[in-house]
N, C-alpha and C. Protein backbone atom coordinates (compact mmCIF):
# COMPACT_ATOMS: atom_id res chain seq x y z
N ASP A 1 0.82 -1.21 0.00
CA ASP A 1 0.00 0.00 0.00
C ASP A 1 0.85 1.26 0.00
N GLY A 2 2.15 1.11 -0.15
CA GLY A 2 3.02 2.27 -0.20
C GLY A 2 4.44 1.92 0.19
N LEU A 3 5.29 2.91 0.10
CA LEU A 3 6.70 2.75 0.43
C LEU A 3 7.10 3.92 1.32
N ASP A 4 7.61 3.62 2.50
CA ASP A 4 7.97 4.67 3.46
C ASP A 4 9.34 5.27 3.21
N LEU A 5 10.27 4.47 2.71
CA LEU A 5 11.65 4.91 2.62
C LEU A 5 12.32 4.35 1.37
N LEU A 6 13.02 5.23 0.67
CA LEU A 6 13.86 4.82 -0.45
C LEU A 6 15.25 5.38 -0.18
N VAL A 7 16.26 4.53 -0.21
CA VAL A 7 17.65 4.97 -0.08
C VAL A 7 18.33 4.70 -1.41
N ASN A 8 18.71 5.77 -2.08
CA ASN A 8 19.41 5.68 -3.36
C ASN A 8 20.90 5.56 -3.06
N ASN A 9 21.43 4.33 -3.20
CA ASN A 9 22.81 4.08 -2.80
C ASN A 9 23.50 3.11 -3.75
N ALA A 10 23.54 3.45 -5.01
CA ALA A 10 24.35 2.68 -5.95
C ALA A 10 25.52 3.57 -6.33
N GLY A 11 26.67 3.00 -6.51
CA GLY A 11 27.77 3.88 -6.87
C GLY A 11 28.98 3.17 -7.43
N VAL A 12 29.63 3.87 -8.35
CA VAL A 12 30.95 3.51 -8.84
C VAL A 12 31.80 4.76 -8.71
N MET A 13 33.10 4.59 -8.57
CA MET A 13 33.95 5.75 -8.32
C MET A 13 35.21 5.71 -9.17
N ALA A 14 35.42 6.80 -9.91
CA ALA A 14 36.67 7.05 -10.63
C ALA A 14 37.09 5.88 -11.51
N ILE A 15 36.14 5.34 -12.25
CA ILE A 15 36.44 4.23 -13.15
C ILE A 15 36.86 4.76 -14.52
N PRO A 16 37.58 3.96 -15.29
CA PRO A 16 37.87 4.36 -16.67
C PRO A 16 36.56 4.58 -17.44
N ARG A 17 36.60 5.34 -18.51
CA ARG A 17 35.38 5.66 -19.26
C ARG A 17 34.70 4.38 -19.73
N ARG A 18 33.46 4.26 -19.35
CA ARG A 18 32.60 3.14 -19.75
C ARG A 18 31.22 3.72 -20.00
N SER A 19 30.37 2.94 -20.66
CA SER A 19 28.99 3.35 -20.88
C SER A 19 28.05 2.31 -20.30
N THR A 20 26.89 2.77 -19.86
CA THR A 20 25.85 1.86 -19.40
C THR A 20 25.23 1.17 -20.61
N ALA A 21 24.38 0.19 -20.37
CA ALA A 21 23.68 -0.49 -21.47
C ALA A 21 22.85 0.49 -22.28
N ASP A 22 22.42 1.59 -21.66
CA ASP A 22 21.62 2.61 -22.35
C ASP A 22 22.47 3.69 -23.01
N GLY A 23 23.80 3.56 -22.90
CA GLY A 23 24.69 4.49 -23.57
C GLY A 23 25.11 5.71 -22.77
N PHE A 24 24.78 5.75 -21.49
CA PHE A 24 25.20 6.87 -20.65
C PHE A 24 26.58 6.63 -20.08
N GLU A 25 27.33 7.71 -19.85
CA GLU A 25 28.60 7.58 -19.17
C GLU A 25 28.33 6.87 -17.85
N MET A 26 29.13 5.87 -17.53
CA MET A 26 28.83 4.93 -16.44
C MET A 26 28.67 5.59 -15.06
N GLN A 27 29.52 6.53 -14.70
CA GLN A 27 29.41 7.12 -13.37
C GLN A 27 28.15 7.97 -13.25
N LEU A 28 27.85 8.77 -14.27
CA LEU A 28 26.62 9.55 -14.25
C LEU A 28 25.40 8.63 -14.29
N GLY A 29 25.47 7.61 -15.13
CA GLY A 29 24.35 6.67 -15.25
C GLY A 29 24.07 5.89 -13.98
N THR A 30 25.12 5.37 -13.37
CA THR A 30 24.97 4.56 -12.15
C THR A 30 24.68 5.42 -10.93
N ASN A 31 25.48 6.45 -10.75
CA ASN A 31 25.41 7.24 -9.52
C ASN A 31 24.24 8.21 -9.48
N HIS A 32 23.78 8.68 -10.63
CA HIS A 32 22.70 9.66 -10.62
C HIS A 32 21.48 9.26 -11.42
N LEU A 33 21.63 8.95 -12.69
CA LEU A 33 20.46 8.71 -13.53
C LEU A 33 19.64 7.51 -13.06
N GLY A 34 20.30 6.48 -12.56
CA GLY A 34 19.57 5.33 -12.01
C GLY A 34 18.73 5.73 -10.81
N HIS A 35 19.29 6.55 -9.94
CA HIS A 35 18.55 7.04 -8.76
C HIS A 35 17.36 7.89 -9.20
N PHE A 36 17.61 8.77 -10.14
CA PHE A 36 16.56 9.66 -10.65
C PHE A 36 15.40 8.83 -11.22
N ALA A 37 15.72 7.86 -12.06
CA ALA A 37 14.69 7.03 -12.69
C ALA A 37 13.93 6.20 -11.66
N LEU A 38 14.65 5.56 -10.76
CA LEU A 38 14.00 4.73 -9.75
C LEU A 38 13.07 5.56 -8.86
N THR A 39 13.55 6.72 -8.43
CA THR A 39 12.72 7.59 -7.59
C THR A 39 11.47 8.01 -8.35
N GLY A 40 11.63 8.38 -9.60
CA GLY A 40 10.47 8.77 -10.40
C GLY A 40 9.46 7.65 -10.53
N LEU A 41 9.94 6.43 -10.75
CA LEU A 41 9.03 5.29 -10.87
C LEU A 41 8.33 4.96 -9.56
N LEU A 42 9.02 5.17 -8.44
CA LEU A 42 8.45 4.83 -7.14
C LEU A 42 7.70 5.99 -6.47
N LEU A 43 7.72 7.15 -7.09
CA LEU A 43 7.08 8.31 -6.47
C LEU A 43 5.61 8.08 -6.13
N PRO A 44 4.81 7.45 -7.00
CA PRO A 44 3.40 7.23 -6.62
C PRO A 44 3.24 6.39 -5.35
N VAL A 45 4.05 5.34 -5.17
CA VAL A 45 3.90 4.52 -3.96
C VAL A 45 4.51 5.21 -2.74
N LEU A 46 5.51 6.06 -2.96
CA LEU A 46 6.04 6.85 -1.85
C LEU A 46 4.98 7.84 -1.37
N LEU A 47 4.33 8.52 -2.30
CA LEU A 47 3.35 9.53 -1.94
C LEU A 47 2.06 8.94 -1.38
N ALA A 48 1.92 7.62 -1.43
CA ALA A 48 0.76 6.96 -0.83
C ALA A 48 0.91 6.83 0.69
N ARG A 49 2.08 7.14 1.21
CA ARG A 49 2.35 7.03 2.64
C ARG A 49 2.30 8.42 3.29
N PRO A 50 2.04 8.49 4.59
CA PRO A 50 1.90 9.80 5.24
C PRO A 50 3.21 10.57 5.41
N GLU A 51 4.34 9.89 5.55
CA GLU A 51 5.63 10.57 5.75
C GLU A 51 6.74 9.88 4.97
N PRO A 52 6.66 9.86 3.64
CA PRO A 52 7.70 9.17 2.88
C PRO A 52 9.01 9.95 2.90
N ARG A 53 10.09 9.20 2.75
CA ARG A 53 11.42 9.82 2.77
C ARG A 53 12.27 9.20 1.67
N VAL A 54 13.04 10.06 1.00
CA VAL A 54 14.02 9.62 0.02
C VAL A 54 15.38 10.12 0.49
N VAL A 55 16.31 9.19 0.67
CA VAL A 55 17.67 9.52 1.06
C VAL A 55 18.56 9.22 -0.15
N THR A 56 19.29 10.22 -0.60
CA THR A 56 20.19 10.04 -1.72
C THR A 56 21.62 10.17 -1.21
N ILE A 57 22.41 9.13 -1.48
CA ILE A 57 23.79 9.12 -1.01
C ILE A 57 24.65 9.89 -2.01
N SER A 58 25.31 10.91 -1.50
CA SER A 58 26.21 11.72 -2.30
C SER A 58 27.63 11.48 -1.79
N SER A 59 28.45 12.48 -1.86
CA SER A 59 29.83 12.37 -1.40
C SER A 59 30.39 13.77 -1.22
N GLY A 60 31.34 13.89 -0.31
CA GLY A 60 32.04 15.15 -0.18
C GLY A 60 32.76 15.51 -1.48
N ALA A 61 32.93 14.53 -2.35
CA ALA A 61 33.55 14.78 -3.66
C ALA A 61 32.68 15.65 -4.55
N HIS A 62 31.45 15.94 -4.11
CA HIS A 62 30.62 16.85 -4.90
C HIS A 62 31.30 18.20 -5.05
N ARG A 63 32.18 18.53 -4.10
CA ARG A 63 32.87 19.83 -4.13
C ARG A 63 33.78 19.97 -5.35
N MET A 64 34.29 18.86 -5.87
CA MET A 64 35.15 18.94 -7.05
C MET A 64 34.36 18.77 -8.34
N GLY A 65 33.06 18.61 -8.21
CA GLY A 65 32.22 18.42 -9.39
C GLY A 65 31.68 19.72 -9.94
N ARG A 66 31.37 19.67 -11.20
CA ARG A 66 30.62 20.74 -11.85
C ARG A 66 29.81 20.08 -12.94
N ILE A 67 28.59 20.54 -13.12
CA ILE A 67 27.74 19.97 -14.14
C ILE A 67 28.12 20.60 -15.48
N ASP A 68 28.67 19.79 -16.37
CA ASP A 68 29.11 20.27 -17.67
C ASP A 68 28.02 19.98 -18.69
N PHE A 69 27.09 20.92 -18.83
CA PHE A 69 25.95 20.73 -19.73
C PHE A 69 26.39 20.66 -21.19
N GLU A 70 27.57 21.17 -21.51
CA GLU A 70 28.08 21.11 -22.88
C GLU A 70 28.65 19.73 -23.21
N ASP A 71 29.00 18.96 -22.19
CA ASP A 71 29.57 17.62 -22.39
C ASP A 71 29.17 16.73 -21.21
N LEU A 72 27.88 16.62 -20.98
CA LEU A 72 27.35 15.90 -19.82
C LEU A 72 27.81 14.44 -19.78
N GLN A 73 27.97 13.83 -20.94
CA GLN A 73 28.36 12.42 -21.01
C GLN A 73 29.88 12.23 -21.11
N SER A 74 30.63 13.30 -20.97
CA SER A 74 32.11 13.26 -21.02
C SER A 74 32.61 12.63 -22.31
N GLU A 75 31.98 12.97 -23.41
CA GLU A 75 32.39 12.42 -24.70
C GLU A 75 33.58 13.17 -25.30
N ARG A 76 33.70 14.46 -25.03
CA ARG A 76 34.80 15.25 -25.57
C ARG A 76 36.06 15.15 -24.73
N GLY A 77 35.87 14.86 -23.46
CA GLY A 77 37.02 14.73 -22.57
C GLY A 77 36.57 14.03 -21.30
N TYR A 78 37.33 13.06 -20.91
CA TYR A 78 36.93 12.27 -19.73
C TYR A 78 38.02 12.33 -18.67
N ARG A 79 37.63 12.79 -17.51
CA ARG A 79 38.50 12.76 -16.33
C ARG A 79 37.75 11.95 -15.28
N ARG A 80 38.31 10.86 -14.85
CA ARG A 80 37.64 9.94 -13.93
C ARG A 80 37.11 10.64 -12.69
N TRP A 81 37.95 11.43 -12.05
CA TRP A 81 37.54 12.08 -10.81
C TRP A 81 36.58 13.23 -11.08
N GLY A 82 36.75 13.90 -12.20
CA GLY A 82 35.81 14.95 -12.56
C GLY A 82 34.42 14.39 -12.83
N ALA A 83 34.36 13.25 -13.52
CA ALA A 83 33.07 12.60 -13.79
C ALA A 83 32.43 12.11 -12.49
N TYR A 84 33.24 11.61 -11.58
CA TYR A 84 32.70 11.18 -10.28
C TYR A 84 32.15 12.38 -9.53
N GLY A 85 32.91 13.47 -9.47
CA GLY A 85 32.45 14.67 -8.77
C GLY A 85 31.16 15.21 -9.38
N GLN A 86 31.06 15.18 -10.71
CA GLN A 86 29.84 15.63 -11.38
C GLN A 86 28.65 14.77 -10.96
N SER A 87 28.84 13.46 -10.91
CA SER A 87 27.73 12.56 -10.55
C SER A 87 27.29 12.77 -9.10
N LYS A 88 28.23 13.05 -8.22
CA LYS A 88 27.90 13.27 -6.81
C LYS A 88 27.24 14.65 -6.60
N LEU A 89 27.66 15.64 -7.38
CA LEU A 89 26.99 16.93 -7.35
C LEU A 89 25.56 16.78 -7.88
N ALA A 90 25.39 15.99 -8.93
CA ALA A 90 24.05 15.73 -9.47
C ALA A 90 23.16 15.08 -8.41
N ASN A 91 23.72 14.16 -7.61
CA ASN A 91 22.95 13.56 -6.51
C ASN A 91 22.43 14.62 -5.56
N LEU A 92 23.31 15.50 -5.17
CA LEU A 92 22.97 16.54 -4.21
C LEU A 92 21.92 17.49 -4.79
N LEU A 93 22.11 17.93 -6.00
CA LEU A 93 21.14 18.82 -6.63
C LEU A 93 19.79 18.14 -6.79
N PHE A 94 19.80 16.86 -7.12
CA PHE A 94 18.56 16.10 -7.23
C PHE A 94 17.82 16.05 -5.90
N ALA A 95 18.53 15.74 -4.83
CA ALA A 95 17.89 15.66 -3.51
C ALA A 95 17.26 17.00 -3.13
N PHE A 96 17.98 18.09 -3.37
CA PHE A 96 17.45 19.42 -3.03
C PHE A 96 16.26 19.79 -3.91
N GLU A 97 16.34 19.48 -5.21
CA GLU A 97 15.23 19.82 -6.11
C GLU A 97 14.00 18.97 -5.82
N LEU A 98 14.21 17.71 -5.47
CA LEU A 98 13.07 16.86 -5.11
C LEU A 98 12.35 17.44 -3.90
N GLN A 99 13.10 17.93 -2.92
CA GLN A 99 12.47 18.55 -1.76
C GLN A 99 11.75 19.85 -2.14
N ARG A 100 12.37 20.65 -2.99
CA ARG A 100 11.73 21.89 -3.42
C ARG A 100 10.41 21.62 -4.11
N ARG A 101 10.39 20.61 -4.98
CA ARG A 101 9.15 20.27 -5.69
C ARG A 101 8.10 19.67 -4.77
N ALA A 102 8.53 18.86 -3.82
CA ALA A 102 7.57 18.31 -2.84
C ALA A 102 6.94 19.44 -2.04
N ASP A 103 7.75 20.39 -1.60
CA ASP A 103 7.23 21.53 -0.85
C ASP A 103 6.24 22.33 -1.70
N ALA A 104 6.60 22.59 -2.96
CA ALA A 104 5.75 23.38 -3.84
C ALA A 104 4.41 22.68 -4.10
N ALA A 105 4.43 21.35 -4.12
CA ALA A 105 3.20 20.58 -4.37
C ALA A 105 2.42 20.31 -3.08
N GLY A 106 2.99 20.69 -1.94
CA GLY A 106 2.33 20.40 -0.67
C GLY A 106 2.36 18.92 -0.32
N ALA A 107 3.32 18.19 -0.89
CA ALA A 107 3.45 16.75 -0.65
C ALA A 107 4.24 16.53 0.64
N PRO A 108 3.92 15.47 1.36
CA PRO A 108 4.61 15.20 2.63
C PRO A 108 6.00 14.60 2.48
N LEU A 109 6.46 14.39 1.27
CA LEU A 109 7.75 13.75 1.01
C LEU A 109 8.90 14.56 1.60
N ARG A 110 9.83 13.84 2.21
CA ARG A 110 11.05 14.45 2.74
C ARG A 110 12.23 13.88 1.97
N SER A 111 12.97 14.75 1.31
CA SER A 111 14.15 14.35 0.54
C SER A 111 15.38 14.90 1.25
N VAL A 112 16.32 14.01 1.56
CA VAL A 112 17.55 14.40 2.23
C VAL A 112 18.72 13.71 1.53
N ALA A 113 19.90 14.23 1.76
CA ALA A 113 21.12 13.64 1.20
C ALA A 113 22.08 13.35 2.34
N ALA A 114 22.95 12.39 2.09
CA ALA A 114 23.97 12.03 3.09
C ALA A 114 25.24 11.62 2.36
N HIS A 115 26.34 11.82 3.04
CA HIS A 115 27.61 11.29 2.52
C HIS A 115 28.31 10.56 3.66
N PRO A 116 28.93 9.43 3.31
CA PRO A 116 29.55 8.62 4.35
C PRO A 116 30.90 9.12 4.83
N GLY A 117 31.49 10.07 4.12
CA GLY A 117 32.87 10.44 4.43
C GLY A 117 33.80 9.41 3.84
N TYR A 118 35.05 9.49 4.21
CA TYR A 118 36.04 8.54 3.70
C TYR A 118 35.96 7.28 4.55
N ALA A 119 35.30 6.28 4.01
CA ALA A 119 35.11 5.01 4.70
C ALA A 119 35.88 3.92 3.97
N ALA A 120 36.46 3.03 4.71
CA ALA A 120 37.26 1.94 4.14
C ALA A 120 36.33 0.87 3.57
N THR A 121 36.10 0.97 2.27
CA THR A 121 35.29 -0.03 1.56
C THR A 121 36.05 -0.44 0.30
N ASN A 122 35.44 -1.29 -0.49
CA ASN A 122 36.10 -1.69 -1.74
C ASN A 122 35.80 -0.71 -2.87
N LEU A 123 35.01 0.33 -2.61
CA LEU A 123 34.68 1.30 -3.66
C LEU A 123 35.95 1.90 -4.26
N GLN A 124 36.92 2.20 -3.42
CA GLN A 124 38.15 2.81 -3.90
C GLN A 124 38.94 1.85 -4.80
N SER A 125 39.03 0.62 -4.42
CA SER A 125 39.89 -0.31 -5.16
C SER A 125 39.28 -0.80 -6.47
N VAL A 126 37.96 -0.83 -6.57
CA VAL A 126 37.34 -1.33 -7.80
C VAL A 126 37.68 -0.44 -8.98
N GLY A 127 37.49 0.87 -8.83
CA GLY A 127 37.82 1.79 -9.91
C GLY A 127 39.29 1.71 -10.27
N ALA A 128 40.13 1.68 -9.27
CA ALA A 128 41.57 1.62 -9.52
C ALA A 128 41.95 0.33 -10.23
N SER A 129 41.31 -0.78 -9.89
CA SER A 129 41.67 -2.06 -10.49
C SER A 129 41.34 -2.11 -11.98
N MET A 130 40.51 -1.20 -12.46
CA MET A 130 40.13 -1.17 -13.87
C MET A 130 41.10 -0.33 -14.69
N GLY A 131 42.09 0.26 -14.06
CA GLY A 131 42.95 1.23 -14.73
C GLY A 131 44.30 0.73 -15.21
N GLY A 132 44.52 -0.55 -15.33
CA GLY A 132 45.80 -1.06 -15.81
C GLY A 132 46.92 -0.82 -14.81
N ALA A 133 48.15 -0.61 -15.31
CA ALA A 133 49.32 -0.43 -14.44
C ALA A 133 49.17 0.81 -13.56
N ARG A 134 48.70 1.90 -14.15
CA ARG A 134 48.49 3.12 -13.37
C ARG A 134 47.46 2.86 -12.26
N GLY A 135 46.42 2.13 -12.61
CA GLY A 135 45.39 1.80 -11.63
C GLY A 135 45.91 0.90 -10.52
N TRP A 136 46.85 0.03 -10.85
CA TRP A 136 47.43 -0.85 -9.83
C TRP A 136 48.15 -0.01 -8.78
N ILE A 137 48.92 0.97 -9.25
CA ILE A 137 49.63 1.86 -8.32
C ILE A 137 48.64 2.67 -7.50
N GLU A 138 47.66 3.23 -8.18
CA GLU A 138 46.64 4.02 -7.49
C GLU A 138 45.90 3.14 -6.46
N GLY A 139 45.59 1.91 -6.84
CA GLY A 139 44.91 0.99 -5.93
C GLY A 139 45.72 0.74 -4.66
N ARG A 140 47.03 0.57 -4.82
CA ARG A 140 47.90 0.38 -3.65
C ARG A 140 47.87 1.60 -2.75
N LEU A 141 47.93 2.80 -3.34
CA LEU A 141 47.88 4.04 -2.55
C LEU A 141 46.54 4.18 -1.83
N LEU A 142 45.47 3.83 -2.51
CA LEU A 142 44.15 3.92 -1.88
C LEU A 142 44.00 2.90 -0.74
N ARG A 143 44.58 1.73 -0.91
CA ARG A 143 44.53 0.74 0.19
C ARG A 143 45.28 1.25 1.42
N VAL A 144 46.43 1.87 1.18
CA VAL A 144 47.18 2.46 2.30
C VAL A 144 46.35 3.58 2.92
N GLY A 145 45.72 4.41 2.08
CA GLY A 145 44.85 5.47 2.58
C GLY A 145 43.71 4.91 3.42
N ASN A 146 43.15 3.79 2.98
CA ASN A 146 42.08 3.15 3.76
C ASN A 146 42.58 2.73 5.13
N LEU A 147 43.79 2.20 5.17
CA LEU A 147 44.34 1.74 6.45
C LEU A 147 44.70 2.89 7.38
N VAL A 148 45.23 3.98 6.82
CA VAL A 148 45.77 5.07 7.63
C VAL A 148 44.73 6.16 7.94
N PHE A 149 43.94 6.54 6.94
CA PHE A 149 43.09 7.72 7.09
C PHE A 149 41.59 7.43 7.20
N ALA A 150 41.14 6.33 6.64
CA ALA A 150 39.70 6.10 6.53
C ALA A 150 39.08 5.66 7.85
N GLN A 151 37.81 5.99 7.97
CA GLN A 151 37.03 5.44 9.07
C GLN A 151 36.52 4.06 8.65
N SER A 152 35.95 3.33 9.55
CA SER A 152 35.44 2.00 9.21
C SER A 152 34.19 2.12 8.34
N ASP A 153 33.87 1.03 7.65
CA ASP A 153 32.65 1.02 6.85
C ASP A 153 31.42 1.19 7.74
N ALA A 154 31.45 0.66 8.96
CA ALA A 154 30.33 0.83 9.89
C ALA A 154 30.14 2.31 10.25
N GLN A 155 31.24 3.02 10.48
CA GLN A 155 31.14 4.45 10.77
C GLN A 155 30.62 5.21 9.56
N GLY A 156 31.03 4.79 8.38
CA GLY A 156 30.55 5.42 7.15
C GLY A 156 29.06 5.23 6.93
N ALA A 157 28.50 4.16 7.49
CA ALA A 157 27.07 3.90 7.35
C ALA A 157 26.22 4.79 8.26
N LEU A 158 26.82 5.41 9.26
CA LEU A 158 26.04 6.19 10.23
C LEU A 158 25.31 7.40 9.63
N PRO A 159 25.95 8.25 8.82
CA PRO A 159 25.19 9.38 8.26
C PRO A 159 23.98 8.95 7.42
N PRO A 160 24.12 7.96 6.52
CA PRO A 160 22.93 7.52 5.78
C PRO A 160 21.85 6.92 6.70
N LEU A 161 22.26 6.18 7.72
CA LEU A 161 21.26 5.64 8.66
C LEU A 161 20.55 6.74 9.42
N TYR A 162 21.28 7.73 9.83
CA TYR A 162 20.70 8.88 10.52
C TYR A 162 19.72 9.59 9.59
N ALA A 163 20.13 9.80 8.34
CA ALA A 163 19.28 10.46 7.35
C ALA A 163 17.99 9.67 7.12
N ALA A 164 18.09 8.36 7.19
CA ALA A 164 16.92 7.51 6.94
C ALA A 164 15.99 7.39 8.13
N THR A 165 16.49 7.63 9.34
CA THR A 165 15.68 7.30 10.52
C THR A 165 15.40 8.45 11.48
N MET A 166 16.11 9.56 11.40
CA MET A 166 15.92 10.65 12.35
C MET A 166 14.54 11.27 12.15
N PRO A 167 13.67 11.22 13.16
CA PRO A 167 12.28 11.65 12.98
C PRO A 167 12.11 13.12 12.57
N ASP A 168 12.79 14.05 13.17
CA ASP A 168 12.54 15.46 12.92
C ASP A 168 13.52 16.10 11.94
N LEU A 169 14.21 15.30 11.18
CA LEU A 169 15.17 15.81 10.21
C LEU A 169 14.43 16.59 9.13
N PRO A 170 14.82 17.84 8.89
CA PRO A 170 14.10 18.62 7.87
C PRO A 170 14.45 18.17 6.45
N GLY A 171 13.49 18.29 5.56
CA GLY A 171 13.75 18.02 4.16
C GLY A 171 14.80 18.98 3.65
N GLY A 172 15.62 18.51 2.71
CA GLY A 172 16.68 19.32 2.16
C GLY A 172 17.97 19.28 2.97
N ALA A 173 18.00 18.48 4.02
CA ALA A 173 19.21 18.36 4.85
C ALA A 173 20.29 17.59 4.08
N TYR A 174 21.54 17.87 4.41
CA TYR A 174 22.68 17.14 3.85
C TYR A 174 23.57 16.77 5.01
N LEU A 175 23.70 15.47 5.26
CA LEU A 175 24.40 14.97 6.46
C LEU A 175 25.67 14.23 6.08
N GLY A 176 26.65 14.34 6.94
CA GLY A 176 27.88 13.59 6.78
C GLY A 176 28.62 13.57 8.10
N PRO A 177 29.77 12.93 8.12
CA PRO A 177 30.50 12.82 9.39
C PRO A 177 30.99 14.18 9.91
N ASP A 178 31.01 15.18 9.04
CA ASP A 178 31.44 16.50 9.48
C ASP A 178 30.27 17.43 9.78
N GLY A 179 29.06 16.87 9.88
CA GLY A 179 27.90 17.71 10.20
C GLY A 179 26.80 17.57 9.19
C-alpha cells in the first residue's frame, strides 16, 4: 500500500570511461540517472504514505564536481575524478530539487542527502583495479589510505542511517561525518 523509505545508494567511483547499457557515461548513469529514474518510478507509492522519505547518497567529492551541460556524457574529454564529482553533485542537486518540488506541491515527502565520508570499503579499489598499471599503483595508494586515514565502513554507514531514521530531520538536509 506504499513505500515509506527509499535509499538511493548505488555507486561507482573514478572508473575508466565506460557506458551503461543505455549508452550513458557509467558514473553519471549509475550514480545519478539510475537514482533519478527509480525515484520517479516509485514516487506514486512513496506519496501513498503519510511521511515518505528519500535519502540520496552523495559524497564530499561533490565539491570537485561541476555539471558540464556542454559535455554531460564526457564524450569530448573524460577525467575519472571529474566525472565522479559531477555525478555526486548531481545527486545533491537532485535531492534538493526533489524537496523543493515536494514543498511546492504540498506533498509530505522528505528528501535528504547524506555522505559517508572517507570510509574503508572496496569502492576505492574497484575503480583503480580497472585502470591497468596506473590503476594498480593508485589501488595500492588507496589501500594504504584506507588503512591510515579512513574510518570504518560501519562508521561510514552512520550518516545515511541517521538520514533515513531521524524523525525530525528537515527536508533538504545534507548529512555527513562533518555535520
